[in-house]
Every structure is written in structure tokens, then in C-alpha cells.
Amino acid sequence: MSEQGDNLRNKFLLHLYDQLWNSITRVEQGLWQFIGIYAVIFVTHLTLGEKDPFLATVLATLAGFWGINIAINAGKWFGRNRMMIINVEKQFLAEKDFGKIISKRFHERKSPIYFNTLILTHIVVFSIYTLVSPFIYWGNIETAYRNIIVVFFVLGVVATLWHWRIAWKEIQKFIKETEGVDSL
């Protein structure tokens, strides 16, 4: 490749590197923005609960599963972008730079955990609230509606676990496909 071609490639890779970090930042900010939406849902749950406990419980449970699945999706994109960032860094850094400029730990590809602390915190918080919300007004909900909530809850758990499995497989596949990437 010509010198001009190398310069264009390097500019492209550096721009890609910046965009990958911007994407990670945007995902993390989106999780915080969802907390605001979730706070409104929580207040609605508390105010609506006395008037219509069934609807309040369904809305809270739906919002909880929505939040968990947003966090799972964010974790998948975080892992994907992290792998791409590693690959771009390998294009510009020498082997001796790892452990000095960038921690070797950040370049581990075999780690099965692809969620960062923020994403895990969201999953835990949404899970706790999703588990607790049906029981806040359980005594005020008619028996027939309780069965609907249980079915709704079970479907939510199954769908969320299925989503987690798909995200896990996708990130593991991406890690495997990019294991051999070295500086070119």
C-alpha cells in the first residue's frame, strides 16, 4: 500500500477508534436516562396502585423487564465495541506497550463477563424491582388477575433469559472470530 493509502487507513482507524468510544459513552448515558424514565414509572406505580393495582403491577413489571433487556443489549454492544477497540489499538501499539500504556487486562479476550459495573448494576436494580413490584399490591389484586400477572411474569423471565443467551452467543462468536487479529 502506498504512503498515502497508509495515512488514509490510519486516519480511518483513529476515527473508528473515537467513534467506538463515543458509542460506549452513549450507551452508558442511555442507561442513566432510562433511570429517569423508570423513576416516572415507579411514581406512577405508587400513585396508580391504590386505584388500579393490577395495571400498576403490570406496568411496573413490564418496565422492569424492559430495563433489564436494555441493559443486556447495552452489554452486548459494550463487549463488541471493546473487542473492536482492542483490534484498533493493536494496529498502533507495539507488544511492549501493553502493560505500560494500556493494561494487559483490557486486552483479555477470553473473559466470559462482558458487562461493566454500570450495566450489571442496572440489571440487578431492575431485577429486584421486577421481582418486588407484583407483591406490593398482591393482596389488592383479584385472583383471576393474579394468574395473568404470574403468566406475564414467567413470559418476561423466559424472554429475558432467551435474549441474554442470544447476546451471550453473539459476543462469544465475535470474540472467537477476532481472536487472530493482530497488527496488519
C-alpha atoms as a PDB file:
ATOM      1  CA  MET A   1       0.000   0.000   0.000  1.00  0.00           C
ATOM      2  CA  SER A   2       1.265   3.477  -0.756  1.00  0.00           C
ATOM      3  CA  GLU A   3       2.191   6.000   1.925  1.00  0.00           C
ATOM      4  CA  GLN A   4      -0.948   7.987   1.122  1.00  0.00           C
ATOM      5  CA  GLY A   5      -3.021   4.811   1.422  1.00  0.00           C
ATOM      6  CA  ASP A   6      -1.396   4.049   4.799  1.00  0.00           C
ATOM      7  CA  ASN A   7      -2.197   7.565   6.027  1.00  0.00           C
ATOM      8  CA  LEU A   8      -5.829   7.254   4.943  1.00  0.00           C
ATOM      9  CA  ARG A   9      -6.078   3.857   6.643  1.00  0.00           C
ATOM     10  CA  ASN A  10      -4.580   5.242   9.856  1.00  0.00           C
ATOM     11  CA  LYS A  11      -6.957   8.213   9.806  1.00  0.00           C
ATOM     12  CA  PHE A  12      -9.860   5.834   9.280  1.00  0.00           C
ATOM     13  CA  LEU A  13      -8.781   3.578  12.149  1.00  0.00           C
ATOM     14  CA  LEU A  14      -8.288   6.520  14.508  1.00  0.00           C
ATOM     15  CA  HIS A  15     -11.711   7.906  13.590  1.00  0.00           C
ATOM     16  CA  LEU A  16     -13.223   4.437  14.104  1.00  0.00           C
ATOM     17  CA  TYR A  17     -11.493   4.212  17.490  1.00  0.00           C
ATOM     18  CA  ASP A  18     -13.007   7.541  18.572  1.00  0.00           C
ATOM     19  CA  GLN A  19     -16.452   6.514  17.348  1.00  0.00           C
ATOM     20  CA  LEU A  20     -16.299   3.196  19.203  1.00  0.00           C
ATOM     21  CA  TRP A  21     -15.556   5.016  22.468  1.00  0.00           C
ATOM     22  CA  ASN A  22     -18.328   7.535  21.697  1.00  0.00           C
ATOM     23  CA  SER A  23     -20.712   4.613  21.218  1.00  0.00           C
ATOM     24  CA  ILE A  24     -19.778   3.132  24.586  1.00  0.00           C
ATOM     25  CA  THR A  25     -20.291   6.523  26.241  1.00  0.00           C
ATOM     26  CA  ARG A  26     -23.665   6.980  24.506  1.00  0.00           C
ATOM     27  CA  VAL A  27     -24.861   3.547  25.682  1.00  0.00           C
ATOM     28  CA  GLU A  28     -23.872   4.300  29.279  1.00  0.00           C
ATOM     29  CA  GLN A  29     -25.609   7.696  29.136  1.00  0.00           C
ATOM     30  CA  GLY A  30     -28.700   6.000  27.727  1.00  0.00           C
ATOM     31  CA  LEU A  31     -28.807   3.692  30.721  1.00  0.00           C
ATOM     32  CA  TRP A  32     -28.777   6.689  33.054  1.00  0.00           C
ATOM     33  CA  GLN A  33     -31.531   8.357  31.013  1.00  0.00           C
ATOM     34  CA  PHE A  34     -33.640   5.236  31.341  1.00  0.00           C
ATOM     35  CA  ILE A  35     -33.340   5.546  35.119  1.00  0.00           C
ATOM     36  CA  GLY A  36     -35.233   8.853  34.792  1.00  0.00           C
ATOM     37  CA  ILE A  37     -37.972   7.173  32.797  1.00  0.00           C
ATOM     38  CA  TYR A  38     -38.047   4.353  35.299  1.00  0.00           C
ATOM     39  CA  ALA A  39     -38.415   6.821  38.185  1.00  0.00           C
ATOM     40  CA  VAL A  40     -41.540   8.209  36.490  1.00  0.00           C
ATOM     41  CA  ILE A  41     -42.849   4.660  36.070  1.00  0.00           C
ATOM     42  CA  PHE A  42     -42.136   3.953  39.758  1.00  0.00           C
ATOM     43  CA  VAL A  43     -44.035   7.075  40.886  1.00  0.00           C
ATOM     44  CA  THR A  44     -46.894   6.143  38.544  1.00  0.00           C
ATOM     45  CA  HIS A  45     -46.851   2.662  40.047  1.00  0.00           C
ATOM     46  CA  LEU A  46     -47.213   4.053  43.559  1.00  0.00           C
ATOM     47  CA  THR A  47     -49.929   6.580  42.689  1.00  0.00           C
ATOM     48  CA  LEU A  48     -51.863   4.268  40.392  1.00  0.00           C
ATOM     49  CA  GLY A  49     -51.518   1.291  42.717  1.00  0.00           C
ATOM     50  CA  GLU A  50     -54.345   2.247  45.061  1.00  0.00           C
ATOM     51  CA  LYS A  51     -56.778   2.871  42.188  1.00  0.00           C
ATOM     52  CA  ASP A  52     -55.797   0.015  39.881  1.00  0.00           C
ATOM     53  CA  PRO A  53     -53.273  -2.343  41.472  1.00  0.00           C
ATOM     54  CA  PHE A  54     -53.389  -4.769  38.526  1.00  0.00           C
ATOM     55  CA  LEU A  55     -52.451  -2.129  35.954  1.00  0.00           C
ATOM     56  CA  ALA A  56     -49.800  -0.679  38.269  1.00  0.00           C
ATOM     57  CA  THR A  57     -48.211  -4.094  38.711  1.00  0.00           C
ATOM     58  CA  VAL A  58     -48.287  -4.919  35.000  1.00  0.00           C
ATOM     59  CA  LEU A  59     -46.726  -1.565  34.078  1.00  0.00           C
ATOM     60  CA  ALA A  60     -44.001  -1.889  36.709  1.00  0.00           C
ATOM     61  CA  THR A  61     -43.190  -5.452  35.685  1.00  0.00           C
ATOM     62  CA  LEU A  62     -43.131  -4.535  32.001  1.00  0.00           C
ATOM     63  CA  ALA A  63     -40.839  -1.581  32.699  1.00  0.00           C
ATOM     64  CA  GLY A  64     -38.543  -3.772  34.793  1.00  0.00           C
ATOM     65  CA  PHE A  65     -38.148  -6.349  32.040  1.00  0.00           C
ATOM     66  CA  TRP A  66     -37.688  -3.543  29.525  1.00  0.00           C
ATOM     67  CA  GLY A  67     -34.868  -2.103  31.649  1.00  0.00           C
ATOM     68  CA  ILE A  68     -33.179  -5.484  32.057  1.00  0.00           C
ATOM     69  CA  ASN A  69     -33.278  -6.105  28.320  1.00  0.00           C
ATOM     70  CA  ILE A  70     -31.942  -2.633  27.535  1.00  0.00           C
ATOM     71  CA  ALA A  71     -29.030  -3.358  29.880  1.00  0.00           C
ATOM     72  CA  ILE A  72     -28.406  -6.759  28.251  1.00  0.00           C
ATOM     73  CA  ASN A  73     -28.341  -5.134  24.829  1.00  0.00           C
ATOM     74  CA  ALA A  74     -26.012  -2.410  26.121  1.00  0.00           C
ATOM     75  CA  GLY A  75     -23.710  -5.117  27.475  1.00  0.00           C
ATOM     76  CA  LYS A  76     -23.597  -6.830  24.111  1.00  0.00           C
ATOM     77  CA  TRP A  77     -22.657  -3.605  22.332  1.00  0.00           C
ATOM     78  CA  PHE A  78     -20.155  -2.762  25.046  1.00  0.00           C
ATOM     79  CA  GLY A  79     -18.449  -6.127  24.527  1.00  0.00           C
ATOM     80  CA  ARG A  80     -18.481  -5.797  20.749  1.00  0.00           C
ATOM     81  CA  ASN A  81     -17.054  -2.291  20.823  1.00  0.00           C
ATOM     82  CA  ARG A  82     -14.448  -3.324  23.383  1.00  0.00           C
ATOM     83  CA  MET A  83     -13.223  -6.083  21.052  1.00  0.00           C
ATOM     84  CA  MET A  84     -13.067  -3.651  18.130  1.00  0.00           C
ATOM     85  CA  ILE A  85     -11.185  -1.104  20.258  1.00  0.00           C
ATOM     86  CA  ILE A  86      -8.664  -3.814  21.162  1.00  0.00           C
ATOM     87  CA  ASN A  87      -8.192  -4.569  17.468  1.00  0.00           C
ATOM     88  CA  VAL A  88      -7.627  -0.914  16.561  1.00  0.00           C
ATOM     89  CA  GLU A  89      -5.163  -0.489  19.424  1.00  0.00           C
ATOM     90  CA  LYS A  90      -3.213  -3.477  18.114  1.00  0.00           C
ATOM     91  CA  GLN A  91      -2.740  -1.602  14.847  1.00  0.00           C
ATOM     92  CA  PHE A  92      -0.936   1.276  16.564  1.00  0.00           C
ATOM     93  CA  LEU A  93       0.704  -0.128  19.680  1.00  0.00           C
ATOM     94  CA  ALA A  94       3.685  -2.435  19.962  1.00  0.00           C
ATOM     95  CA  GLU A  95       3.547  -5.530  22.166  1.00  0.00           C
ATOM     96  CA  LYS A  96       5.811  -3.773  24.683  1.00  0.00           C
ATOM     97  CA  ASP A  97       3.185  -1.008  25.133  1.00  0.00           C
ATOM     98  CA  PHE A  98       0.686  -3.402  26.710  1.00  0.00           C
ATOM     99  CA  GLY A  99       1.104  -3.262  30.438  1.00  0.00           C
ATOM    100  CA  LYS A 100       2.658   0.211  30.234  1.00  0.00           C
ATOM    101  CA  ILE A 101       0.325   2.396  28.169  1.00  0.00           C
ATOM    102  CA  ILE A 102      -2.698   0.134  28.320  1.00  0.00           C
ATOM    103  CA  SER A 103      -3.286  -2.518  30.947  1.00  0.00           C
ATOM    104  CA  LYS A 104      -2.935  -6.062  29.653  1.00  0.00           C
ATOM    105  CA  ARG A 105      -6.197  -6.806  31.450  1.00  0.00           C
ATOM    106  CA  PHE A 106      -8.077  -4.583  28.989  1.00  0.00           C
ATOM    107  CA  HIS A 107      -6.881  -6.756  26.134  1.00  0.00           C
ATOM    108  CA  GLU A 108      -8.052 -10.088  27.513  1.00  0.00           C
ATOM    109  CA  ARG A 109     -10.441 -11.667  25.060  1.00  0.00           C
ATOM    110  CA  LYS A 110     -11.303 -14.835  26.930  1.00  0.00           C
ATOM    111  CA  SER A 111     -13.154 -13.193  29.799  1.00  0.00           C
ATOM    112  CA  PRO A 112     -16.728 -14.535  29.834  1.00  0.00           C
ATOM    113  CA  ILE A 113     -18.049 -11.402  31.526  1.00  0.00           C
ATOM    114  CA  TYR A 114     -18.899  -8.697  29.022  1.00  0.00           C
ATOM    115  CA  PHE A 115     -20.914  -6.405  31.254  1.00  0.00           C
ATOM    116  CA  ASN A 116     -19.317  -3.478  33.009  1.00  0.00           C
ATOM    117  CA  THR A 117     -20.297  -2.461  36.532  1.00  0.00           C
ATOM    118  CA  LEU A 118     -22.884   0.108  35.401  1.00  0.00           C
ATOM    119  CA  ILE A 119     -24.705  -2.421  33.237  1.00  0.00           C
ATOM    120  CA  LEU A 120     -24.629  -5.083  35.959  1.00  0.00           C
ATOM    121  CA  THR A 121     -25.979  -2.565  38.478  1.00  0.00           C
ATOM    122  CA  HIS A 122     -28.896  -1.770  36.170  1.00  0.00           C
ATOM    123  CA  ILE A 123     -29.673  -5.448  35.694  1.00  0.00           C
ATOM    124  CA  VAL A 124     -29.629  -6.065  39.457  1.00  0.00           C
ATOM    125  CA  VAL A 125     -31.781  -2.997  40.276  1.00  0.00           C
ATOM    126  CA  PHE A 126     -34.333  -3.747  37.558  1.00  0.00           C
ATOM    127  CA  SER A 127     -34.425  -7.418  38.579  1.00  0.00           C
ATOM    128  CA  ILE A 128     -35.080  -6.605  42.224  1.00  0.00           C
ATOM    129  CA  TYR A 129     -37.835  -4.134  41.385  1.00  0.00           C
ATOM    130  CA  THR A 130     -39.352  -6.510  38.835  1.00  0.00           C
ATOM    131  CA  LEU A 131     -39.455  -9.245  41.470  1.00  0.00           C
ATOM    132  CA  VAL A 132     -40.825  -6.978  44.209  1.00  0.00           C
ATOM    133  CA  SER A 133     -43.379  -4.942  42.212  1.00  0.00           C
ATOM    134  CA  PRO A 134     -46.017  -7.673  41.832  1.00  0.00           C
ATOM    135  CA  PHE A 135     -46.062  -8.250  45.597  1.00  0.00           C
ATOM    136  CA  ILE A 136     -46.556  -4.607  46.609  1.00  0.00           C
ATOM    137  CA  TYR A 137     -50.266  -4.760  45.760  1.00  0.00           C
ATOM    138  CA  TRP A 138     -50.668  -8.555  45.576  1.00  0.00           C
ATOM    139  CA  GLY A 139     -53.309  -8.610  48.306  1.00  0.00           C
ATOM    140  CA  ASN A 140     -55.380  -5.973  46.459  1.00  0.00           C
ATOM    141  CA  ILE A 141     -55.453  -7.833  43.137  1.00  0.00           C
ATOM    142  CA  GLU A 142     -58.266 -10.211  42.265  1.00  0.00           C
ATOM    143  CA  THR A 143     -57.310 -13.886  41.954  1.00  0.00           C
ATOM    144  CA  ALA A 144     -58.012 -14.058  38.192  1.00  0.00           C
ATOM    145  CA  TYR A 145     -55.720 -11.089  37.618  1.00  0.00           C
ATOM    146  CA  ARG A 146     -53.019 -12.672  39.798  1.00  0.00           C
ATOM    147  CA  ASN A 147     -52.870 -15.580  37.368  1.00  0.00           C
ATOM    148  CA  ILE A 148     -52.410 -13.155  34.477  1.00  0.00           C
ATOM    149  CA  ILE A 149     -49.570 -11.433  36.334  1.00  0.00           C
ATOM    150  CA  VAL A 150     -47.868 -14.779  37.021  1.00  0.00           C
ATOM    151  CA  VAL A 151     -48.114 -15.783  33.339  1.00  0.00           C
ATOM    152  CA  PHE A 152     -46.900 -12.328  32.287  1.00  0.00           C
ATOM    153  CA  PHE A 153     -44.002 -12.563  34.734  1.00  0.00           C
ATOM    154  CA  VAL A 154     -42.981 -16.064  33.608  1.00  0.00           C
ATOM    155  CA  LEU A 155     -43.086 -14.988  29.950  1.00  0.00           C
ATOM    156  CA  GLY A 156     -40.933 -11.982  30.837  1.00  0.00           C
ATOM    157  CA  VAL A 157     -38.355 -14.165  32.585  1.00  0.00           C
ATOM    158  CA  VAL A 158     -38.247 -16.649  29.688  1.00  0.00           C
ATOM    159  CA  ALA A 159     -37.938 -13.891  27.066  1.00  0.00           C
ATOM    160  CA  THR A 160     -35.221 -12.100  29.055  1.00  0.00           C
ATOM    161  CA  LEU A 161     -33.204 -15.298  29.544  1.00  0.00           C
ATOM    162  CA  TRP A 162     -33.576 -16.053  25.841  1.00  0.00           C
ATOM    163  CA  HIS A 163     -32.364 -12.535  24.996  1.00  0.00           C
ATOM    164  CA  TRP A 164     -29.416 -12.949  27.401  1.00  0.00           C
ATOM    165  CA  ARG A 165     -28.497 -16.261  25.742  1.00  0.00           C
ATOM    166  CA  ILE A 166     -28.605 -14.748  22.253  1.00  0.00           C
ATOM    167  CA  ALA A 167     -26.495 -11.754  23.361  1.00  0.00           C
ATOM    168  CA  TRP A 168     -24.020 -14.096  25.085  1.00  0.00           C
ATOM    169  CA  LYS A 169     -23.669 -16.266  21.974  1.00  0.00           C
ATOM    170  CA  GLU A 170     -23.216 -13.221  19.729  1.00  0.00           C
ATOM    171  CA  ILE A 171     -20.436 -11.753  21.852  1.00  0.00           C
ATOM    172  CA  GLN A 172     -18.702 -15.127  22.230  1.00  0.00           C
ATOM    173  CA  LYS A 173     -18.847 -15.591  18.452  1.00  0.00           C
ATOM    174  CA  PHE A 174     -17.431 -12.109  17.913  1.00  0.00           C
ATOM    175  CA  ILE A 175     -14.607 -12.798  20.398  1.00  0.00           C
ATOM    176  CA  LYS A 176     -13.756 -16.076  18.650  1.00  0.00           C
ATOM    177  CA  GLU A 177     -13.851 -14.520  15.180  1.00  0.00           C
ATOM    178  CA  THR A 178     -11.494 -11.715  16.209  1.00  0.00           C
ATOM    179  CA  GLU A 179      -9.014 -13.721  18.306  1.00  0.00           C
ATOM    180  CA  GLY A 180      -6.469 -13.852  15.499  1.00  0.00           C
ATOM    181  CA  VAL A 181      -6.475 -10.118  14.802  1.00  0.00           C
ATOM    182  CA  ASP A 182      -3.004  -8.751  15.125  1.00  0.00           C
ATOM    183  CA  SER A 183      -1.416  -5.673  13.712  1.00  0.00           C
ATOM    184  CA  LEU A 184      -1.531  -5.876   9.925  1.00  0.00           C
END
